[in-house]
Amino acid sequence: MKTAVKKWGNSLGIRIPKSVSEKLDLFDGSNIELIVTEDGLLVKKTHQEKLETLLNQINEDSIHYEVDFGDAEGKELW
């Protein structure tokens, strides 16, 4: 399938035909990865994990606790 490269602000953009976007389940805001290969450019869909999946990965080793920076030295509000 052929398409054209078009100027988009200071960048260049390519249009993804509707038939391709539907087949790959791409929509406005989908995350993709651009990979430069020896033969050209590979556009790869990246999978976003659902919030619930990410939250289930939290454990004691991955929790970041608050850090005590000491008392305020100016007019900071803690």
PDB file of N, CA and C in Angstrom:
ATOM      1  N   MET A   1       0.848  -1.168   0.000  1.00  0.00           N
ATOM      2  CA  MET A   1       0.000   0.000   0.000  1.00  0.00           C
ATOM      3  C   MET A   1       0.896   1.234   0.000  1.00  0.00           C
ATOM      4  N   LYS A   2       0.578   2.195  -0.825  1.00  0.00           N
ATOM      5  CA  LYS A   2       1.365   3.416  -0.916  1.00  0.00           C
ATOM      6  C   LYS A   2       0.602   4.570  -0.301  1.00  0.00           C
ATOM      7  N   THR A   3       1.341   5.497   0.304  1.00  0.00           N
ATOM      8  CA  THR A   3       0.783   6.732   0.839  1.00  0.00           C
ATOM      9  C   THR A   3       1.849   7.808   0.708  1.00  0.00           C
ATOM     10  N   ALA A   4       1.530   9.035   0.998  1.00  0.00           N
ATOM     11  CA  ALA A   4       2.469  10.141   0.832  1.00  0.00           C
ATOM     12  C   ALA A   4       2.900  10.698   2.183  1.00  0.00           C
ATOM     13  N   VAL A   5       4.100  11.247   2.215  1.00  0.00           N
ATOM     14  CA  VAL A   5       4.603  11.957   3.375  1.00  0.00           C
ATOM     15  C   VAL A   5       4.208  13.419   3.203  1.00  0.00           C
ATOM     16  N   LYS A   6       3.627  14.017   4.235  1.00  0.00           N
ATOM     17  CA  LYS A   6       3.158  15.408   4.169  1.00  0.00           C
ATOM     18  C   LYS A   6       3.756  16.209   5.321  1.00  0.00           C
ATOM     19  N   LYS A   7       3.947  17.493   5.093  1.00  0.00           N
ATOM     20  CA  LYS A   7       4.435  18.376   6.139  1.00  0.00           C
ATOM     21  C   LYS A   7       3.335  18.554   7.187  1.00  0.00           C
ATOM     22  N   TRP A   8       3.733  18.522   8.459  1.00  0.00           N
ATOM     23  CA  TRP A   8       2.812  18.700   9.567  1.00  0.00           C
ATOM     24  C   TRP A   8       3.527  19.562  10.601  1.00  0.00           C
ATOM     25  N   GLY A   9       3.313  20.859  10.556  1.00  0.00           N
ATOM     26  CA  GLY A   9       4.055  21.793  11.408  1.00  0.00           C
ATOM     27  C   GLY A   9       5.516  21.756  11.004  1.00  0.00           C
ATOM     28  N   ASN A  10       6.397  21.536  11.966  1.00  0.00           N
ATOM     29  CA  ASN A  10       7.829  21.413  11.677  1.00  0.00           C
ATOM     30  C   ASN A  10       8.244  19.967  11.439  1.00  0.00           C
ATOM     31  N   SER A  11       7.284  19.072  11.424  1.00  0.00           N
ATOM     32  CA  SER A  11       7.568  17.647  11.262  1.00  0.00           C
ATOM     33  C   SER A  11       6.980  17.139   9.956  1.00  0.00           C
ATOM     34  N   LEU A  12       7.132  15.863   9.739  1.00  0.00           N
ATOM     35  CA  LEU A  12       6.508  15.188   8.611  1.00  0.00           C
ATOM     36  C   LEU A  12       5.543  14.146   9.154  1.00  0.00           C
ATOM     37  N   GLY A  13       4.483  13.893   8.426  1.00  0.00           N
ATOM     38  CA  GLY A  13       3.505  12.916   8.863  1.00  0.00           C
ATOM     39  C   GLY A  13       3.091  12.016   7.720  1.00  0.00           C
ATOM     40  N   ILE A  14       2.605  10.849   8.068  1.00  0.00           N
ATOM     41  CA  ILE A  14       2.034   9.945   7.069  1.00  0.00           C
ATOM     42  C   ILE A  14       0.613   9.636   7.491  1.00  0.00           C
ATOM     43  N   ARG A  15      -0.253   9.474   6.523  1.00  0.00           N
ATOM     44  CA  ARG A  15      -1.635   9.112   6.823  1.00  0.00           C
ATOM     45  C   ARG A  15      -1.765   7.599   6.772  1.00  0.00           C
ATOM     46  N   ILE A  16      -2.456   7.085   7.757  1.00  0.00           N
ATOM     47  CA  ILE A  16      -2.714   5.647   7.794  1.00  0.00           C
ATOM     48  C   ILE A  16      -4.133   5.439   7.287  1.00  0.00           C
ATOM     49  N   PRO A  17      -4.286   4.734   6.191  1.00  0.00           N
ATOM     50  CA  PRO A  17      -5.630   4.525   5.644  1.00  0.00           C
ATOM     51  C   PRO A  17      -6.555   3.840   6.648  1.00  0.00           C
ATOM     52  N   LYS A  18      -7.843   4.146   6.541  1.00  0.00           N
ATOM     53  CA  LYS A  18      -8.840   3.621   7.472  1.00  0.00           C
ATOM     54  C   LYS A  18      -8.819   2.097   7.526  1.00  0.00           C
ATOM     55  N   SER A  19      -8.654   1.455   6.382  1.00  0.00           N
ATOM     56  CA  SER A  19      -8.656  -0.013   6.360  1.00  0.00           C
ATOM     57  C   SER A  19      -7.501  -0.583   7.193  1.00  0.00           C
ATOM     58  N   VAL A  20      -6.366   0.089   7.173  1.00  0.00           N
ATOM     59  CA  VAL A  20      -5.205  -0.365   7.948  1.00  0.00           C
ATOM     60  C   VAL A  20      -5.429  -0.084   9.428  1.00  0.00           C
ATOM     61  N   SER A  21      -5.922   1.120   9.748  1.00  0.00           N
ATOM     62  CA  SER A  21      -6.127   1.458  11.154  1.00  0.00           C
ATOM     63  C   SER A  21      -7.158   0.533  11.800  1.00  0.00           C
ATOM     64  N   GLU A  22      -8.193   0.168  11.051  1.00  0.00           N
ATOM     65  CA  GLU A  22      -9.190  -0.753  11.595  1.00  0.00           C
ATOM     66  C   GLU A  22      -8.604  -2.141  11.803  1.00  0.00           C
ATOM     67  N   LYS A  23      -7.802  -2.596  10.856  1.00  0.00           N
ATOM     68  CA  LYS A  23      -7.197  -3.927  10.960  1.00  0.00           C
ATOM     69  C   LYS A  23      -6.260  -4.013  12.164  1.00  0.00           C
ATOM     70  N   LEU A  24      -5.533  -2.919  12.438  1.00  0.00           N
ATOM     71  CA  LEU A  24      -4.568  -2.909  13.538  1.00  0.00           C
ATOM     72  C   LEU A  24      -5.140  -2.339  14.830  1.00  0.00           C
ATOM     73  N   ASP A  25      -6.418  -1.938  14.796  1.00  0.00           N
ATOM     74  CA  ASP A  25      -7.071  -1.326  15.950  1.00  0.00           C
ATOM     75  C   ASP A  25      -6.314  -0.089  16.416  1.00  0.00           C
ATOM     76  N   LEU A  26      -5.945   0.764  15.470  1.00  0.00           N
ATOM     77  CA  LEU A  26      -5.295   2.038  15.768  1.00  0.00           C
ATOM     78  C   LEU A  26      -6.359   3.123  15.802  1.00  0.00           C
ATOM     79  N   PHE A  27      -6.193   4.080  16.700  1.00  0.00           N
ATOM     80  CA  PHE A  27      -7.129   5.188  16.811  1.00  0.00           C
ATOM     81  C   PHE A  27      -6.353   6.434  17.201  1.00  0.00           C
ATOM     82  N   ASP A  28      -7.023   7.569  17.157  1.00  0.00           N
ATOM     83  CA  ASP A  28      -6.382   8.820  17.535  1.00  0.00           C
ATOM     84  C   ASP A  28      -5.855   8.708  18.958  1.00  0.00           C
ATOM     85  N   GLY A  29      -4.569   8.864  19.134  1.00  0.00           N
ATOM     86  CA  GLY A  29      -3.946   8.741  20.451  1.00  0.00           C
ATOM     87  C   GLY A  29      -3.258   7.408  20.680  1.00  0.00           C
ATOM     88  N   SER A  30      -3.349   6.473  19.727  1.00  0.00           N
ATOM     89  CA  SER A  30      -2.658   5.187  19.870  1.00  0.00           C
ATOM     90  C   SER A  30      -1.154   5.420  19.940  1.00  0.00           C
ATOM     91  N   ASN A  31      -0.483   4.608  20.737  1.00  0.00           N
ATOM     92  CA  ASN A  31       0.973   4.674  20.821  1.00  0.00           C
ATOM     93  C   ASN A  31       1.584   3.743  19.790  1.00  0.00           C
ATOM     94  N   ILE A  32       2.578   4.261  19.093  1.00  0.00           N
ATOM     95  CA  ILE A  32       3.309   3.462  18.112  1.00  0.00           C
ATOM     96  C   ILE A  32       4.794   3.657  18.341  1.00  0.00           C
ATOM     97  N   GLU A  33       5.575   2.779  17.788  1.00  0.00           N
ATOM     98  CA  GLU A  33       7.024   2.874  17.855  1.00  0.00           C
ATOM     99  C   GLU A  33       7.540   2.967  16.430  1.00  0.00           C
ATOM    100  N   LEU A  34       8.453   3.902  16.181  1.00  0.00           N
ATOM    101  CA  LEU A  34       9.083   4.028  14.870  1.00  0.00           C
ATOM    102  C   LEU A  34      10.466   3.402  14.950  1.00  0.00           C
ATOM    103  N   ILE A  35      10.727   2.444  14.081  1.00  0.00           N
ATOM    104  CA  ILE A  35      12.003   1.731  14.076  1.00  0.00           C
ATOM    105  C   ILE A  35      12.647   1.930  12.708  1.00  0.00           C
ATOM    106  N   VAL A  36      13.840   2.504  12.715  1.00  0.00           N
ATOM    107  CA  VAL A  36      14.571   2.689  11.470  1.00  0.00           C
ATOM    108  C   VAL A  36      15.325   1.399  11.188  1.00  0.00           C
ATOM    109  N   THR A  37      15.069   0.810  10.013  1.00  0.00           N
ATOM    110  CA  THR A  37      15.721  -0.428   9.623  1.00  0.00           C
ATOM    111  C   THR A  37      16.618  -0.173   8.422  1.00  0.00           C
ATOM    112  N   GLU A  38      17.344  -1.170   8.041  1.00  0.00           N
ATOM    113  CA  GLU A  38      18.214  -1.063   6.867  1.00  0.00           C
ATOM    114  C   GLU A  38      17.391  -0.815   5.600  1.00  0.00           C
ATOM    115  N   ASP A  39      16.179  -1.354   5.590  1.00  0.00           N
ATOM    116  CA  ASP A  39      15.316  -1.236   4.408  1.00  0.00           C
ATOM    117  C   ASP A  39      14.368  -0.043   4.445  1.00  0.00           C
ATOM    118  N   GLY A  40      14.231   0.627   5.573  1.00  0.00           N
ATOM    119  CA  GLY A  40      13.303   1.745   5.638  1.00  0.00           C
ATOM    120  C   GLY A  40      12.806   1.999   7.041  1.00  0.00           C
ATOM    121  N   LEU A  41      11.532   2.249   7.163  1.00  0.00           N
ATOM    122  CA  LEU A  41      10.909   2.605   8.434  1.00  0.00           C
ATOM    123  C   LEU A  41       9.838   1.584   8.777  1.00  0.00           C
ATOM    124  N   LEU A  42       9.891   1.079  10.005  1.00  0.00           N
ATOM    125  CA  LEU A  42       8.900   0.135  10.494  1.00  0.00           C
ATOM    126  C   LEU A  42       8.049   0.856  11.533  1.00  0.00           C
ATOM    127  N   VAL A  43       6.745   0.834  11.359  1.00  0.00           N
ATOM    128  CA  VAL A  43       5.814   1.421  12.305  1.00  0.00           C
ATOM    129  C   VAL A  43       5.176   0.269  13.065  1.00  0.00           C
ATOM    130  N   LYS A  44       5.389   0.246  14.372  1.00  0.00           N
ATOM    131  CA  LYS A  44       4.931  -0.881  15.173  1.00  0.00           C
ATOM    132  C   LYS A  44       3.991  -0.386  16.269  1.00  0.00           C
ATOM    133  N   LYS A  45       2.839  -1.018  16.372  1.00  0.00           N
ATOM    134  CA  LYS A  45       1.889  -0.676  17.423  1.00  0.00           C
ATOM    135  C   LYS A  45       2.443  -1.152  18.759  1.00  0.00           C
ATOM    136  N   THR A  46       2.368  -0.283  19.762  1.00  0.00           N
ATOM    137  CA  THR A  46       2.764  -0.691  21.104  1.00  0.00           C
ATOM    138  C   THR A  46       1.499  -0.910  21.908  1.00  0.00           C
ATOM    139  N   HIS A  47       1.542  -1.837  22.801  1.00  0.00           N
ATOM    140  CA  HIS A  47       0.364  -2.185  23.592  1.00  0.00           C
ATOM    141  C   HIS A  47       0.393  -1.428  24.904  1.00  0.00           C
ATOM    142  N   GLN A  48      -0.685  -0.718  25.179  1.00  0.00           N
ATOM    143  CA  GLN A  48      -0.812  -0.025  26.448  1.00  0.00           C
ATOM    144  C   GLN A  48      -1.442  -0.985  27.444  1.00  0.00           C
ATOM    145  N   GLU A  49      -0.816  -1.033  28.603  1.00  0.00           N
ATOM    146  CA  GLU A  49      -1.389  -1.895  29.629  1.00  0.00           C
ATOM    147  C   GLU A  49      -2.501  -1.149  30.346  1.00  0.00           C
ATOM    148  N   LYS A  50      -3.508  -1.875  30.754  1.00  0.00           N
ATOM    149  CA  LYS A  50      -4.617  -1.278  31.485  1.00  0.00           C
ATOM    150  C   LYS A  50      -4.147  -0.889  32.881  1.00  0.00           C
ATOM    151  N   LEU A  51      -4.760   0.160  33.417  1.00  0.00           N
ATOM    152  CA  LEU A  51      -4.396   0.650  34.739  1.00  0.00           C
ATOM    153  C   LEU A  51      -4.456  -0.461  35.784  1.00  0.00           C
ATOM    154  N   GLU A  52      -5.480  -1.288  35.729  1.00  0.00           N
ATOM    155  CA  GLU A  52      -5.624  -2.368  36.705  1.00  0.00           C
ATOM    156  C   GLU A  52      -4.424  -3.322  36.660  1.00  0.00           C
ATOM    157  N   THR A  53      -3.944  -3.621  35.448  1.00  0.00           N
ATOM    158  CA  THR A  53      -2.781  -4.497  35.293  1.00  0.00           C
ATOM    159  C   THR A  53      -1.546  -3.859  35.916  1.00  0.00           C
ATOM    160  N   LEU A  54      -1.358  -2.556  35.673  1.00  0.00           N
ATOM    161  CA  LEU A  54      -0.208  -1.859  36.237  1.00  0.00           C
ATOM    162  C   LEU A  54      -0.287  -1.799  37.762  1.00  0.00           C
ATOM    163  N   LEU A  55      -1.466  -1.523  38.292  1.00  0.00           N
ATOM    164  CA  LEU A  55      -1.617  -1.449  39.743  1.00  0.00           C
ATOM    165  C   LEU A  55      -1.363  -2.799  40.402  1.00  0.00           C
ATOM    166  N   ASN A  56      -1.727  -3.877  39.742  1.00  0.00           N
ATOM    167  CA  ASN A  56      -1.503  -5.215  40.298  1.00  0.00           C
ATOM    168  C   ASN A  56      -0.022  -5.581  40.353  1.00  0.00           C
ATOM    169  N   GLN A  57       0.811  -4.835  39.653  1.00  0.00           N
ATOM    170  CA  GLN A  57       2.249  -5.112  39.658  1.00  0.00           C
ATOM    171  C   GLN A  57       2.970  -4.430  40.816  1.00  0.00           C
ATOM    172  N   ILE A  58       2.263  -3.585  41.561  1.00  0.00           N
ATOM    173  CA  ILE A  58       2.876  -2.909  42.707  1.00  0.00           C
ATOM    174  C   ILE A  58       3.080  -3.922  43.819  1.00  0.00           C
ATOM    175  N   ASN A  59       4.274  -3.906  44.400  1.00  0.00           N
ATOM    176  CA  ASN A  59       4.567  -4.777  45.534  1.00  0.00           C
ATOM    177  C   ASN A  59       5.489  -4.034  46.495  1.00  0.00           C
ATOM    178  N   GLU A  60       5.888  -4.676  47.563  1.00  0.00           N
ATOM    179  CA  GLU A  60       6.739  -4.035  48.580  1.00  0.00           C
ATOM    180  C   GLU A  60       8.061  -3.525  47.997  1.00  0.00           C
ATOM    181  N   ASP A  61       8.582  -4.190  46.982  1.00  0.00           N
ATOM    182  CA  ASP A  61       9.863  -3.788  46.394  1.00  0.00           C
ATOM    183  C   ASP A  61       9.734  -2.597  45.451  1.00  0.00           C
ATOM    184  N   SER A  62       8.521  -2.340  44.980  1.00  0.00           N
ATOM    185  CA  SER A  62       8.362  -1.267  44.000  1.00  0.00           C
ATOM    186  C   SER A  62       7.691  -0.014  44.557  1.00  0.00           C
ATOM    187  N   ILE A  63       7.341  -0.039  45.851  1.00  0.00           N
ATOM    188  CA  ILE A  63       6.704   1.132  46.461  1.00  0.00           C
ATOM    189  C   ILE A  63       7.771   2.156  46.804  1.00  0.00           C
ATOM    190  N   HIS A  64       7.509   3.403  46.473  1.00  0.00           N
ATOM    191  CA  HIS A  64       8.423   4.495  46.794  1.00  0.00           C
ATOM    192  C   HIS A  64       7.821   5.292  47.939  1.00  0.00           C
ATOM    193  N   TYR A  65       8.504   5.260  49.062  1.00  0.00           N
ATOM    194  CA  TYR A  65       7.996   5.950  50.235  1.00  0.00           C
ATOM    195  C   TYR A  65       8.443   7.411  50.202  1.00  0.00           C
ATOM    196  N   GLU A  66       7.774   8.239  51.017  1.00  0.00           N
ATOM    197  CA  GLU A  66       8.125   9.651  51.078  1.00  0.00           C
ATOM    198  C   GLU A  66       9.521   9.818  51.655  1.00  0.00           C
ATOM    199  N   VAL A  67      10.185  10.871  51.212  1.00  0.00           N
ATOM    200  CA  VAL A  67      11.523  11.185  51.684  1.00  0.00           C
ATOM    201  C   VAL A  67      11.440  12.405  52.580  1.00  0.00           C
ATOM    202  N   ASP A  68      12.087  12.359  53.719  1.00  0.00           N
ATOM    203  CA  ASP A  68      12.094  13.496  54.641  1.00  0.00           C
ATOM    204  C   ASP A  68      13.224  14.438  54.232  1.00  0.00           C
ATOM    205  N   PHE A  69      12.846  15.633  53.802  1.00  0.00           N
ATOM    206  CA  PHE A  69      13.835  16.623  53.386  1.00  0.00           C
ATOM    207  C   PHE A  69      14.150  17.595  54.512  1.00  0.00           C
ATOM    208  N   GLY A  70      13.643  17.356  55.709  1.00  0.00           N
ATOM    209  CA  GLY A  70      13.918  18.223  56.845  1.00  0.00           C
ATOM    210  C   GLY A  70      12.879  19.318  56.990  1.00  0.00           C
ATOM    211  N   ASP A  71      13.161  20.221  57.906  1.00  0.00           N
ATOM    212  CA  ASP A  71      12.245  21.330  58.156  1.00  0.00           C
ATOM    213  C   ASP A  71      12.333  22.364  57.053  1.00  0.00           C
ATOM    214  N   ALA A  72      11.268  23.135  56.905  1.00  0.00           N
ATOM    215  CA  ALA A  72      11.251  24.209  55.913  1.00  0.00           C
ATOM    216  C   ALA A  72      12.289  25.262  56.315  1.00  0.00           C
ATOM    217  N   GLU A  73      12.985  25.812  55.342  1.00  0.00           N
ATOM    218  CA  GLU A  73      14.003  26.818  55.623  1.00  0.00           C
ATOM    219  C   GLU A  73      13.563  28.203  55.170  1.00  0.00           C
ATOM    220  N   GLY A  74      12.488  28.274  54.439  1.00  0.00           N
ATOM    221  CA  GLY A  74      11.964  29.546  53.962  1.00  0.00           C
ATOM    222  C   GLY A  74      10.483  29.595  54.234  1.00  0.00           C
ATOM    223  N   LYS A  75       9.744  29.979  53.204  1.00  0.00           N
ATOM    224  CA  LYS A  75       8.292  30.072  53.368  1.00  0.00           C
ATOM    225  C   LYS A  75       7.572  28.904  52.706  1.00  0.00           C
ATOM    226  N   GLU A  76       8.265  27.753  52.598  1.00  0.00           N
ATOM    227  CA  GLU A  76       7.641  26.585  51.994  1.00  0.00           C
ATOM    228  C   GLU A  76       6.490  26.115  52.872  1.00  0.00           C
ATOM    229  N   LEU A  77       5.483  25.587  52.242  1.00  0.00           N
ATOM    230  CA  LEU A  77       4.382  24.977  52.972  1.00  0.00           C
ATOM    231  C   LEU A  77       4.479  23.478  52.810  1.00  0.00           C
ATOM    232  N   TRP A  78       4.538  22.749  53.902  1.00  0.00           N
ATOM    233  CA  TRP A  78       4.649  21.299  53.823  1.00  0.00           C
ATOM    234  C   TRP A  78       3.327  20.731  54.095  1.00  0.00           C
TER     235      TRP A  78
END
